[in-house]
């Protein structure tokens, strides 16, 4: 027998605030992902989880796990287009068996504590194209040399105070080099640092669901501007599925689908005069995004409409930094 005052009232619903509902949804999503990835489900883990804070902020998990940077998930390197200053090791195949997405024998580079796969060596010791995990995208890792004015001033002062002193550094490429430091013929001190930057289109689409783009492999241009196909549609038709180009970068183009079916004859005048009006054709809770090289689809992703930076699309020029505010690392 249930004592009076403790009997559950099945007719009375529990009331939660919006914040409590968001917390419950985030905790549930985090638990599913943590269990799938083999993480321990504990209070300590959820309290220090960057993913949980991301879910609370309204950003879903990415399609694939992001790389780690100094032990923490590095979302901005996937979703953003910033250039990052990083620490990088010498390339080596020794640790390829533990590098995400790599095969035994692949050359890898340790970048800020995580192993990245080398896709191409542009210039040994100076520039590489690298990849991470399951992401079908690349980054450029390049060594930059910058003048260190403080060390240069100290060197000049030392030479004035000790004109007979000999300064000996290893010789290399006609200049005196020693590790990540070099001194040129004018006694200027240079220090190197590694820069990591995305190659190709921005990464905001990776919050979506990946689909097979094969069904859209037969599209043809409806209208072209000076940069190439602006509208894609079904060949030989006056109405049908339409895709609008919203981004371009390094030979790749990104298109968004404009609703269900469109009248091509009405779209062309808008494409010539008011591209922003075309974006208003995007309706519904999700938006389909297709990345192409030429007319060949590379990937198709369905993204929640509220997570697509529709207002930021630069429809007249190449775009390089389409990153929603809450996608940036805190």
C-alpha atoms as a PDB file:
ATOM      1  CA  UNK A   1       0.000   0.000   0.000  1.00  0.00           C
ATOM      2  CA  UNK A   2       1.246   3.445  -0.910  1.00  0.00           C
ATOM      3  CA  UNK A   3       1.174   5.906   1.958  1.00  0.00           C
ATOM      4  CA  UNK A   4      -0.933   9.027   1.606  1.00  0.00           C
ATOM      5  CA  UNK A   5       0.986  11.920   0.121  1.00  0.00           C
ATOM      6  CA  UNK A   6       3.385   9.714  -1.854  1.00  0.00           C
ATOM      7  CA  UNK A   7       1.046   8.277  -4.470  1.00  0.00           C
ATOM      8  CA  UNK A   8       1.979   9.345  -8.010  1.00  0.00           C
ATOM      9  CA  UNK A   9      -0.607  11.430  -9.816  1.00  0.00           C
ATOM     10  CA  UNK A  10      -0.733  10.083 -13.366  1.00  0.00           C
ATOM     11  CA  UNK A  11      -3.033  12.894 -14.455  1.00  0.00           C
ATOM     12  CA  UNK A  12      -0.637  15.647 -13.434  1.00  0.00           C
ATOM     13  CA  UNK A  13       2.110  16.428 -15.958  1.00  0.00           C
ATOM     14  CA  UNK A  14       5.559  17.548 -14.883  1.00  0.00           C
ATOM     15  CA  UNK A  15       6.374  21.108 -15.870  1.00  0.00           C
ATOM     16  CA  UNK A  16       9.892  21.949 -17.026  1.00  0.00           C
ATOM     17  CA  UNK A  17      11.314  25.304 -17.972  1.00  0.00           C
ATOM     18  CA  UNK A  18      12.805  25.761 -21.433  1.00  0.00           C
ATOM     19  CA  UNK A  19      16.272  25.701 -19.884  1.00  0.00           C
ATOM     20  CA  UNK A  20      15.540  22.428 -18.096  1.00  0.00           C
ATOM     21  CA  UNK A  21      14.232  20.885 -21.305  1.00  0.00           C
ATOM     22  CA  UNK A  22      17.369  21.988 -23.134  1.00  0.00           C
ATOM     23  CA  UNK A  23      19.516  20.518 -20.367  1.00  0.00           C
ATOM     24  CA  UNK A  24      17.680  17.185 -20.563  1.00  0.00           C
ATOM     25  CA  UNK A  25      17.999  17.022 -24.352  1.00  0.00           C
ATOM     26  CA  UNK A  26      21.693  17.905 -24.218  1.00  0.00           C
ATOM     27  CA  UNK A  27      22.396  15.335 -21.500  1.00  0.00           C
ATOM     28  CA  UNK A  28      20.525  12.637 -23.418  1.00  0.00           C
ATOM     29  CA  UNK A  29      22.370  13.399 -26.670  1.00  0.00           C
ATOM     30  CA  UNK A  30      25.699  13.533 -24.846  1.00  0.00           C
ATOM     31  CA  UNK A  31      25.023  10.167 -23.188  1.00  0.00           C
ATOM     32  CA  UNK A  32      24.241   8.517 -26.520  1.00  0.00           C
ATOM     33  CA  UNK A  33      27.401   9.859 -28.155  1.00  0.00           C
ATOM     34  CA  UNK A  34      29.587   9.079 -25.139  1.00  0.00           C
ATOM     35  CA  UNK A  35      28.339   5.503 -25.032  1.00  0.00           C
ATOM     36  CA  UNK A  36      28.853   5.082 -28.779  1.00  0.00           C
ATOM     37  CA  UNK A  37      32.419   6.404 -28.546  1.00  0.00           C
ATOM     38  CA  UNK A  38      33.185   4.259 -25.502  1.00  0.00           C
ATOM     39  CA  UNK A  39      33.530   7.084 -22.978  1.00  0.00           C
ATOM     40  CA  UNK A  40      32.742   6.640 -19.317  1.00  0.00           C
ATOM     41  CA  UNK A  41      29.334   7.981 -18.299  1.00  0.00           C
ATOM     42  CA  UNK A  42      30.037   9.891 -15.103  1.00  0.00           C
ATOM     43  CA  UNK A  43      29.346  13.242 -13.466  1.00  0.00           C
ATOM     44  CA  UNK A  44      33.003  14.209 -13.831  1.00  0.00           C
ATOM     45  CA  UNK A  45      33.045  13.444 -17.556  1.00  0.00           C
ATOM     46  CA  UNK A  46      29.917  15.449 -18.321  1.00  0.00           C
ATOM     47  CA  UNK A  47      31.077  18.399 -16.210  1.00  0.00           C
ATOM     48  CA  UNK A  48      34.320  18.781 -18.165  1.00  0.00           C
ATOM     49  CA  UNK A  49      32.883  17.796 -21.561  1.00  0.00           C
ATOM     50  CA  UNK A  50      33.334  20.360 -24.342  1.00  0.00           C
ATOM     51  CA  UNK A  51      30.751  18.438 -26.364  1.00  0.00           C
ATOM     52  CA  UNK A  52      28.154  18.808 -23.599  1.00  0.00           C
ATOM     53  CA  UNK A  53      28.726  22.572 -23.444  1.00  0.00           C
ATOM     54  CA  UNK A  54      28.359  22.668 -27.219  1.00  0.00           C
ATOM     55  CA  UNK A  55      25.058  20.770 -27.065  1.00  0.00           C
ATOM     56  CA  UNK A  56      23.798  23.128 -24.365  1.00  0.00           C
ATOM     57  CA  UNK A  57      24.619  26.076 -26.641  1.00  0.00           C
ATOM     58  CA  UNK A  58      22.354  24.621 -29.326  1.00  0.00           C
ATOM     59  CA  UNK A  59      25.058  23.217 -31.612  1.00  0.00           C
ATOM     60  CA  UNK A  60      24.667  19.536 -32.534  1.00  0.00           C
ATOM     61  CA  UNK A  61      27.560  17.123 -32.675  1.00  0.00           C
ATOM     62  CA  UNK A  62      29.542  17.025 -35.917  1.00  0.00           C
ATOM     63  CA  UNK A  63      29.138  14.302 -38.516  1.00  0.00           C
ATOM     64  CA  UNK A  64      32.509  12.856 -37.448  1.00  0.00           C
ATOM     65  CA  UNK A  65      34.540  13.378 -34.273  1.00  0.00           C
ATOM     66  CA  UNK A  66      36.762  16.470 -34.535  1.00  0.00           C
ATOM     67  CA  UNK A  67      40.504  16.348 -33.898  1.00  0.00           C
ATOM     68  CA  UNK A  68      41.796  17.055 -30.429  1.00  0.00           C
ATOM     69  CA  UNK A  69      43.920  20.088 -29.666  1.00  0.00           C
ATOM     70  CA  UNK A  70      45.903  19.774 -26.463  1.00  0.00           C
ATOM     71  CA  UNK A  71      43.439  17.100 -25.376  1.00  0.00           C
ATOM     72  CA  UNK A  72      40.188  18.975 -26.123  1.00  0.00           C
ATOM     73  CA  UNK A  73      37.840  18.699 -29.141  1.00  0.00           C
ATOM     74  CA  UNK A  74      38.818  21.243 -31.772  1.00  0.00           C
ATOM     75  CA  UNK A  75      35.535  22.225 -33.436  1.00  0.00           C
ATOM     76  CA  UNK A  76      36.664  25.496 -34.956  1.00  0.00           C
ATOM     77  CA  UNK A  77      39.276  23.851 -37.171  1.00  0.00           C
ATOM     78  CA  UNK A  78      36.403  21.926 -38.804  1.00  0.00           C
ATOM     79  CA  UNK A  79      33.701  24.601 -38.935  1.00  0.00           C
ATOM     80  CA  UNK A  80      35.808  27.724 -39.362  1.00  0.00           C
ATOM     81  CA  UNK A  81      38.164  29.186 -41.928  1.00  0.00           C
ATOM     82  CA  UNK A  82      40.673  30.779 -39.560  1.00  0.00           C
ATOM     83  CA  UNK A  83      44.403  30.213 -39.793  1.00  0.00           C
ATOM     84  CA  UNK A  84      45.832  28.671 -36.640  1.00  0.00           C
ATOM     85  CA  UNK A  85      49.351  28.825 -35.259  1.00  0.00           C
ATOM     86  CA  UNK A  86      50.259  25.290 -34.180  1.00  0.00           C
ATOM     87  CA  UNK A  87      53.113  23.115 -33.029  1.00  0.00           C
ATOM     88  CA  UNK A  88      54.022  20.394 -35.510  1.00  0.00           C
ATOM     89  CA  UNK A  89      56.432  17.477 -35.466  1.00  0.00           C
ATOM     90  CA  UNK A  90      58.500  15.991 -38.258  1.00  0.00           C
ATOM     91  CA  UNK A  91      56.418  13.715 -40.530  1.00  0.00           C
ATOM     92  CA  UNK A  92      56.801  10.008 -39.825  1.00  0.00           C
ATOM     93  CA  UNK A  93      54.989   6.705 -40.530  1.00  0.00           C
ATOM     94  CA  UNK A  94      55.867   5.309 -37.102  1.00  0.00           C
ATOM     95  CA  UNK A  95      52.531   6.072 -35.414  1.00  0.00           C
ATOM     96  CA  UNK A  96      50.200   5.588 -38.372  1.00  0.00           C
ATOM     97  CA  UNK A  97      48.432   2.621 -36.753  1.00  0.00           C
ATOM     98  CA  UNK A  98      47.005   4.893 -34.038  1.00  0.00           C
ATOM     99  CA  UNK A  99      46.261   7.934 -36.218  1.00  0.00           C
ATOM    100  CA  UNK A 100      42.488   8.306 -36.866  1.00  0.00           C
ATOM    101  CA  UNK A 101      41.598   7.374 -40.438  1.00  0.00           C
ATOM    102  CA  UNK A 102      45.132   6.266 -41.321  1.00  0.00           C
ATOM    103  CA  UNK A 103      46.418   2.965 -42.638  1.00  0.00           C
ATOM    104  CA  UNK A 104      49.647   1.315 -41.458  1.00  0.00           C
ATOM    105  CA  UNK A 105      52.538   2.991 -43.224  1.00  0.00           C
ATOM    106  CA  UNK A 106      50.799   6.327 -43.820  1.00  0.00           C
ATOM    107  CA  UNK A 107      52.930   9.359 -43.060  1.00  0.00           C
ATOM    108  CA  UNK A 108      51.569  11.364 -40.128  1.00  0.00           C
ATOM    109  CA  UNK A 109      52.385  14.629 -38.373  1.00  0.00           C
ATOM    110  CA  UNK A 110      51.706  15.413 -34.729  1.00  0.00           C
ATOM    111  CA  UNK A 111      49.829  18.742 -34.629  1.00  0.00           C
ATOM    112  CA  UNK A 112      49.105  20.198 -31.184  1.00  0.00           C
ATOM    113  CA  UNK A 113      48.982  16.738 -29.662  1.00  0.00           C
ATOM    114  CA  UNK A 114      47.013  14.847 -32.347  1.00  0.00           C
ATOM    115  CA  UNK A 115      48.228  12.776 -35.282  1.00  0.00           C
ATOM    116  CA  UNK A 116      47.152  14.067 -38.704  1.00  0.00           C
ATOM    117  CA  UNK A 117      47.584  12.157 -41.959  1.00  0.00           C
ATOM    118  CA  UNK A 118      49.851  13.666 -44.635  1.00  0.00           C
ATOM    119  CA  UNK A 119      47.985  13.653 -47.953  1.00  0.00           C
ATOM    120  CA  UNK A 120      50.707  15.429 -49.918  1.00  0.00           C
ATOM    121  CA  UNK A 121      54.179  16.780 -49.265  1.00  0.00           C
ATOM    122  CA  UNK A 122      54.311  20.111 -51.097  1.00  0.00           C
ATOM    123  CA  UNK A 123      57.807  20.992 -49.871  1.00  0.00           C
ATOM    124  CA  UNK A 124      59.627  18.804 -47.333  1.00  0.00           C
ATOM    125  CA  UNK A 125      59.994  20.527 -44.002  1.00  0.00           C
ATOM    126  CA  UNK A 126      58.032  23.558 -45.233  1.00  0.00           C
ATOM    127  CA  UNK A 127      54.535  22.719 -46.478  1.00  0.00           C
ATOM    128  CA  UNK A 128      52.137  19.771 -46.372  1.00  0.00           C
ATOM    129  CA  UNK A 129      48.501  19.004 -47.133  1.00  0.00           C
ATOM    130  CA  UNK A 130      47.054  17.097 -44.192  1.00  0.00           C
ATOM    131  CA  UNK A 131      43.810  15.286 -43.401  1.00  0.00           C
ATOM    132  CA  UNK A 132      42.018  14.278 -40.251  1.00  0.00           C
ATOM    133  CA  UNK A 133      39.952  11.184 -39.488  1.00  0.00           C
ATOM    134  CA  UNK A 134      36.964  10.527 -41.733  1.00  0.00           C
ATOM    135  CA  UNK A 135      36.586  14.107 -42.995  1.00  0.00           C
ATOM    136  CA  UNK A 136      36.893  14.299 -46.822  1.00  0.00           C
ATOM    137  CA  UNK A 137      38.603  17.692 -46.611  1.00  0.00           C
ATOM    138  CA  UNK A 138      42.170  18.948 -46.339  1.00  0.00           C
ATOM    139  CA  UNK A 139      44.191  21.547 -44.498  1.00  0.00           C
ATOM    140  CA  UNK A 140      47.418  23.278 -45.477  1.00  0.00           C
ATOM    141  CA  UNK A 141      50.239  23.080 -42.922  1.00  0.00           C
ATOM    142  CA  UNK A 142      52.898  25.626 -43.806  1.00  0.00           C
ATOM    143  CA  UNK A 143      55.974  26.927 -42.029  1.00  0.00           C
ATOM    144  CA  UNK A 144      56.154  30.715 -41.744  1.00  0.00           C
ATOM    145  CA  UNK A 145      59.259  32.708 -40.910  1.00  0.00           C
ATOM    146  CA  UNK A 146      58.948  35.980 -39.013  1.00  0.00           C
ATOM    147  CA  UNK A 147      61.516  38.507 -37.870  1.00  0.00           C
ATOM    148  CA  UNK A 148      62.136  38.517 -34.124  1.00  0.00           C
ATOM    149  CA  UNK A 149      63.014  42.145 -33.498  1.00  0.00           C
ATOM    150  CA  UNK A 150      64.032  41.697 -29.870  1.00  0.00           C
ATOM    151  CA  UNK A 151      66.533  38.947 -30.674  1.00  0.00           C
ATOM    152  CA  UNK A 152      67.767  40.894 -33.713  1.00  0.00           C
ATOM    153  CA  UNK A 153      68.391  43.942 -31.541  1.00  0.00           C
ATOM    154  CA  UNK A 154      70.211  41.833 -28.973  1.00  0.00           C
ATOM    155  CA  UNK A 155      72.376  40.268 -31.674  1.00  0.00           C
ATOM    156  CA  UNK A 156      73.301  43.677 -33.109  1.00  0.00           C
ATOM    157  CA  UNK A 157      74.119  44.977 -29.634  1.00  0.00           C
ATOM    158  CA  UNK A 158      76.287  41.924 -28.957  1.00  0.00           C
ATOM    159  CA  UNK A 159      78.184  42.437 -32.209  1.00  0.00           C
ATOM    160  CA  UNK A 160      78.807  46.091 -31.356  1.00  0.00           C
ATOM    161  CA  UNK A 161      80.051  45.174 -27.883  1.00  0.00           C
ATOM    162  CA  UNK A 162      82.105  42.204 -29.103  1.00  0.00           C
ATOM    163  CA  UNK A 163      83.238  42.971 -32.668  1.00  0.00           C
ATOM    164  CA  UNK A 164      85.832  40.189 -32.627  1.00  0.00           C
ATOM    165  CA  UNK A 165      83.448  37.471 -31.462  1.00  0.00           C
ATOM    166  CA  UNK A 166      82.524  34.703 -33.891  1.00  0.00           C
ATOM    167  CA  UNK A 167      78.896  33.589 -34.091  1.00  0.00           C
ATOM    168  CA  UNK A 168      78.645  30.015 -35.293  1.00  0.00           C
ATOM    169  CA  UNK A 169      75.424  28.403 -36.471  1.00  0.00           C
ATOM    170  CA  UNK A 170      74.927  25.406 -38.730  1.00  0.00           C
ATOM    171  CA  UNK A 171      75.006  26.213 -42.419  1.00  0.00           C
ATOM    172  CA  UNK A 172      71.906  25.575 -44.489  1.00  0.00           C
ATOM    173  CA  UNK A 173      70.628  26.877 -47.824  1.00  0.00           C
ATOM    174  CA  UNK A 174      73.158  29.715 -47.882  1.00  0.00           C
ATOM    175  CA  UNK A 175      72.016  31.042 -44.522  1.00  0.00           C
ATOM    176  CA  UNK A 176      72.993  30.240 -40.960  1.00  0.00           C
ATOM    177  CA  UNK A 177      70.264  28.048 -39.509  1.00  0.00           C
ATOM    178  CA  UNK A 178      69.822  26.307 -36.192  1.00  0.00           C
ATOM    179  CA  UNK A 179      66.553  24.420 -35.610  1.00  0.00           C
ATOM    180  CA  UNK A 180      63.609  26.844 -35.826  1.00  0.00           C
ATOM    181  CA  UNK A 181      65.868  29.897 -35.836  1.00  0.00           C
ATOM    182  CA  UNK A 182      67.929  31.424 -38.619  1.00  0.00           C
ATOM    183  CA  UNK A 183      70.119  34.479 -39.097  1.00  0.00           C
ATOM    184  CA  UNK A 184      70.385  36.032 -42.543  1.00  0.00           C
ATOM    185  CA  UNK A 185      73.351  37.847 -44.090  1.00  0.00           C
ATOM    186  CA  UNK A 186      72.193  41.154 -42.595  1.00  0.00           C
ATOM    187  CA  UNK A 187      72.224  39.603 -39.111  1.00  0.00           C
ATOM    188  CA  UNK A 188      68.440  39.614 -38.827  1.00  0.00           C
ATOM    189  CA  UNK A 189      67.048  36.867 -36.591  1.00  0.00           C
ATOM    190  CA  UNK A 190      64.093  34.895 -37.925  1.00  0.00           C
ATOM    191  CA  UNK A 191      61.903  32.434 -35.995  1.00  0.00           C
ATOM    192  CA  UNK A 192      59.579  29.930 -37.605  1.00  0.00           C
ATOM    193  CA  UNK A 193      56.067  28.843 -36.703  1.00  0.00           C
ATOM    194  CA  UNK A 194      53.613  26.459 -38.308  1.00  0.00           C
ATOM    195  CA  UNK A 195      50.292  27.729 -39.677  1.00  0.00           C
ATOM    196  CA  UNK A 196      47.306  25.434 -40.280  1.00  0.00           C
ATOM    197  CA  UNK A 197      44.467  26.566 -42.569  1.00  0.00           C
ATOM    198  CA  UNK A 198      41.531  24.950 -44.350  1.00  0.00           C
ATOM    199  CA  UNK A 199      41.660  24.158 -48.054  1.00  0.00           C
ATOM    200  CA  UNK A 200      38.411  24.588 -49.968  1.00  0.00           C
ATOM    201  CA  UNK A 201      34.927  25.443 -48.744  1.00  0.00           C
ATOM    202  CA  UNK A 202      33.904  26.443 -45.216  1.00  0.00           C
ATOM    203  CA  UNK A 203      32.884  23.727 -42.757  1.00  0.00           C
ATOM    204  CA  UNK A 204      29.501  24.799 -41.375  1.00  0.00           C
ATOM    205  CA  UNK A 205      27.794  21.900 -43.188  1.00  0.00           C
ATOM    206  CA  UNK A 206      29.352  19.249 -40.932  1.00  0.00           C
ATOM    207  CA  UNK A 207      26.591  19.665 -38.339  1.00  0.00           C
ATOM    208  CA  UNK A 208      24.274  17.942 -40.837  1.00  0.00           C
ATOM    209  CA  UNK A 209      23.505  14.422 -42.008  1.00  0.00           C
ATOM    210  CA  UNK A 210      25.568  13.085 -44.903  1.00  0.00           C
ATOM    211  CA  UNK A 211      23.634  11.612 -47.835  1.00  0.00           C
ATOM    212  CA  UNK A 212      24.406  10.050 -51.211  1.00  0.00           C
ATOM    213  CA  UNK A 213      24.746  12.744 -53.924  1.00  0.00           C
ATOM    214  CA  UNK A 214      24.502  10.241 -56.793  1.00  0.00           C
ATOM    215  CA  UNK A 215      20.894  11.127 -57.683  1.00  0.00           C
ATOM    216  CA  UNK A 216      21.964  14.682 -58.526  1.00  0.00           C
ATOM    217  CA  UNK A 217      24.808  13.718 -60.824  1.00  0.00           C
ATOM    218  CA  UNK A 218      22.873  14.702 -63.965  1.00  0.00           C
ATOM    219  CA  UNK A 219      22.224  18.380 -63.246  1.00  0.00           C
ATOM    220  CA  UNK A 220      23.046  21.077 -65.787  1.00  0.00           C
ATOM    221  CA  UNK A 221      23.485  24.865 -65.583  1.00  0.00           C
ATOM    222  CA  UNK A 222      20.313  26.937 -65.900  1.00  0.00           C
ATOM    223  CA  UNK A 223      22.139  30.231 -65.560  1.00  0.00           C
ATOM    224  CA  UNK A 224      25.837  31.121 -65.388  1.00  0.00           C
ATOM    225  CA  UNK A 225      27.660  34.239 -64.274  1.00  0.00           C
ATOM    226  CA  UNK A 226      31.303  35.221 -64.634  1.00  0.00           C
ATOM    227  CA  UNK A 227      32.286  32.673 -61.976  1.00  0.00           C
ATOM    228  CA  UNK A 228      30.528  29.706 -63.555  1.00  0.00           C
ATOM    229  CA  UNK A 229      27.188  27.940 -62.984  1.00  0.00           C
ATOM    230  CA  UNK A 230      25.017  29.952 -60.582  1.00  0.00           C
ATOM    231  CA  UNK A 231      21.816  27.904 -60.928  1.00  0.00           C
ATOM    232  CA  UNK A 232      21.676  24.163 -61.541  1.00  0.00           C
ATOM    233  CA  UNK A 233      18.556  22.305 -62.630  1.00  0.00           C
ATOM    234  CA  UNK A 234      17.178  19.305 -64.450  1.00  0.00           C
ATOM    235  CA  UNK A 235      18.322  19.235 -68.092  1.00  0.00           C
ATOM    236  CA  UNK A 236      15.677  19.779 -70.763  1.00  0.00           C
ATOM    237  CA  UNK A 237      13.006  20.912 -68.287  1.00  0.00           C
ATOM    238  CA  UNK A 238      11.294  24.245 -67.624  1.00  0.00           C
ATOM    239  CA  UNK A 239      10.453  23.326 -64.025  1.00  0.00           C
ATOM    240  CA  UNK A 240      12.167  21.156 -61.469  1.00  0.00           C
ATOM    241  CA  UNK A 241      14.656  20.932 -58.646  1.00  0.00           C
ATOM    242  CA  UNK A 242      16.931  23.987 -58.493  1.00  0.00           C
ATOM    243  CA  UNK A 243      20.265  24.559 -56.771  1.00  0.00           C
ATOM    244  CA  UNK A 244      21.737  28.015 -56.062  1.00  0.00           C
ATOM    245  CA  UNK A 245      25.492  28.553 -55.723  1.00  0.00           C
ATOM    246  CA  UNK A 246      26.284  30.276 -52.420  1.00  0.00           C
ATOM    247  CA  UNK A 247      30.021  29.688 -51.948  1.00  0.00           C
ATOM    248  CA  UNK A 248      33.170  29.133 -53.972  1.00  0.00           C
ATOM    249  CA  UNK A 249      36.706  28.335 -52.914  1.00  0.00           C
ATOM    250  CA  UNK A 250      39.714  26.827 -54.683  1.00  0.00           C
ATOM    251  CA  UNK A 251      37.827  25.188 -57.533  1.00  0.00           C
ATOM    252  CA  UNK A 252      34.900  23.974 -55.424  1.00  0.00           C
ATOM    253  CA  UNK A 253      31.342  25.326 -55.428  1.00  0.00           C
ATOM    254  CA  UNK A 254      28.607  24.953 -52.823  1.00  0.00           C
ATOM    255  CA  UNK A 255      24.928  24.929 -53.783  1.00  0.00           C
ATOM    256  CA  UNK A 256      21.752  24.982 -51.689  1.00  0.00           C
ATOM    257  CA  UNK A 257      18.461  23.524 -52.859  1.00  0.00           C
ATOM    258  CA  UNK A 258      15.661  26.040 -53.391  1.00  0.00           C
ATOM    259  CA  UNK A 259      12.503  24.358 -52.122  1.00  0.00           C
ATOM    260  CA  UNK A 260      10.756  21.597 -54.056  1.00  0.00           C
ATOM    261  CA  UNK A 261      10.224  22.591 -57.695  1.00  0.00           C
ATOM    262  CA  UNK A 262      10.865  25.947 -59.316  1.00  0.00           C
ATOM    263  CA  UNK A 263       9.909  27.615 -62.583  1.00  0.00           C
ATOM    264  CA  UNK A 264      13.251  28.111 -64.301  1.00  0.00           C
ATOM    265  CA  UNK A 265      11.954  30.956 -66.482  1.00  0.00           C
ATOM    266  CA  UNK A 266      11.081  32.998 -63.387  1.00  0.00           C
ATOM    267  CA  UNK A 267      14.293  32.190 -61.559  1.00  0.00           C
ATOM    268  CA  UNK A 268      16.663  33.516 -64.202  1.00  0.00           C
ATOM    269  CA  UNK A 269      15.554  37.192 -63.896  1.00  0.00           C
ATOM    270  CA  UNK A 270      16.017  36.944 -60.114  1.00  0.00           C
ATOM    271  CA  UNK A 271      19.454  35.437 -60.613  1.00  0.00           C
ATOM    272  CA  UNK A 272      20.357  38.408 -62.795  1.00  0.00           C
ATOM    273  CA  UNK A 273      19.040  41.075 -60.413  1.00  0.00           C
ATOM    274  CA  UNK A 274      18.281  39.945 -56.854  1.00  0.00           C
ATOM    275  CA  UNK A 275      20.077  36.851 -55.602  1.00  0.00           C
ATOM    276  CA  UNK A 276      19.008  37.482 -52.007  1.00  0.00           C
ATOM    277  CA  UNK A 277      15.409  36.956 -53.119  1.00  0.00           C
ATOM    278  CA  UNK A 278      16.318  33.455 -54.256  1.00  0.00           C
ATOM    279  CA  UNK A 279      17.597  32.562 -50.804  1.00  0.00           C
ATOM    280  CA  UNK A 280      14.096  33.273 -49.494  1.00  0.00           C
ATOM    281  CA  UNK A 281      12.957  30.232 -51.475  1.00  0.00           C
ATOM    282  CA  UNK A 282      14.616  28.092 -48.805  1.00  0.00           C
ATOM    283  CA  UNK A 283      11.820  26.742 -46.638  1.00  0.00           C
ATOM    284  CA  UNK A 284      11.315  24.031 -44.059  1.00  0.00           C
ATOM    285  CA  UNK A 285      13.270  22.854 -41.049  1.00  0.00           C
ATOM    286  CA  UNK A 286      16.181  21.481 -43.077  1.00  0.00           C
ATOM    287  CA  UNK A 287      18.177  22.578 -46.086  1.00  0.00           C
ATOM    288  CA  UNK A 288      20.028  20.402 -48.575  1.00  0.00           C
ATOM    289  CA  UNK A 289      23.582  21.478 -49.380  1.00  0.00           C
ATOM    290  CA  UNK A 290      25.627  20.051 -52.248  1.00  0.00           C
ATOM    291  CA  UNK A 291      29.342  20.599 -52.843  1.00  0.00           C
ATOM    292  CA  UNK A 292      30.601  20.197 -56.401  1.00  0.00           C
ATOM    293  CA  UNK A 293      33.820  20.311 -58.347  1.00  0.00           C
ATOM    294  CA  UNK A 294      32.720  21.507 -61.748  1.00  0.00           C
ATOM    295  CA  UNK A 295      29.338  19.826 -62.203  1.00  0.00           C
ATOM    296  CA  UNK A 296      30.373  16.674 -60.344  1.00  0.00           C
ATOM    297  CA  UNK A 297      28.745  16.382 -56.882  1.00  0.00           C
ATOM    298  CA  UNK A 298      31.271  15.563 -54.160  1.00  0.00           C
ATOM    299  CA  UNK A 299      28.975  15.458 -51.134  1.00  0.00           C
ATOM    300  CA  UNK A 300      25.363  16.044 -50.122  1.00  0.00           C
ATOM    301  CA  UNK A 301      24.472  17.120 -46.593  1.00  0.00           C
ATOM    302  CA  UNK A 302      21.129  17.941 -44.965  1.00  0.00           C
ATOM    303  CA  UNK A 303      21.554  20.729 -42.406  1.00  0.00           C
ATOM    304  CA  UNK A 304      18.999  22.208 -39.964  1.00  0.00           C
ATOM    305  CA  UNK A 305      17.930  25.477 -41.575  1.00  0.00           C
ATOM    306  CA  UNK A 306      18.504  27.516 -38.417  1.00  0.00           C
ATOM    307  CA  UNK A 307      22.161  26.412 -38.413  1.00  0.00           C
ATOM    308  CA  UNK A 308      22.814  27.513 -42.002  1.00  0.00           C
ATOM    309  CA  UNK A 309      24.320  31.034 -42.205  1.00  0.00           C
ATOM    310  CA  UNK A 310      21.795  32.165 -44.833  1.00  0.00           C
ATOM    311  CA  UNK A 311      22.206  35.864 -44.078  1.00  0.00           C
ATOM    312  CA  UNK A 312      25.979  35.591 -44.445  1.00  0.00           C
ATOM    313  CA  UNK A 313      26.088  34.109 -47.936  1.00  0.00           C
ATOM    314  CA  UNK A 314      28.134  36.350 -50.183  1.00  0.00           C
ATOM    315  CA  UNK A 315      26.436  35.545 -53.461  1.00  0.00           C
ATOM    316  CA  UNK A 316      28.544  37.816 -55.615  1.00  0.00           C
ATOM    317  CA  UNK A 317      32.074  37.024 -54.457  1.00  0.00           C
ATOM    318  CA  UNK A 318      34.085  34.068 -53.136  1.00  0.00           C
ATOM    319  CA  UNK A 319      33.419  33.377 -49.452  1.00  0.00           C
ATOM    320  CA  UNK A 320      36.005  32.363 -46.910  1.00  0.00           C
ATOM    321  CA  UNK A 321      34.674  32.609 -43.359  1.00  0.00           C
ATOM    322  CA  UNK A 322      31.069  31.488 -42.996  1.00  0.00           C
ATOM    323  CA  UNK A 323      31.055  30.555 -39.318  1.00  0.00           C
ATOM    324  CA  UNK A 324      27.986  30.909 -37.072  1.00  0.00           C
ATOM    325  CA  UNK A 325      28.810  32.817 -33.877  1.00  0.00           C
ATOM    326  CA  UNK A 326      28.065  29.899 -31.555  1.00  0.00           C
ATOM    327  CA  UNK A 327      30.295  27.565 -33.577  1.00  0.00           C
ATOM    328  CA  UNK A 328      33.479  29.234 -32.395  1.00  0.00           C
ATOM    329  CA  UNK A 329      35.485  27.604 -29.628  1.00  0.00           C
ATOM    330  CA  UNK A 330      35.039  29.256 -26.256  1.00  0.00           C
END
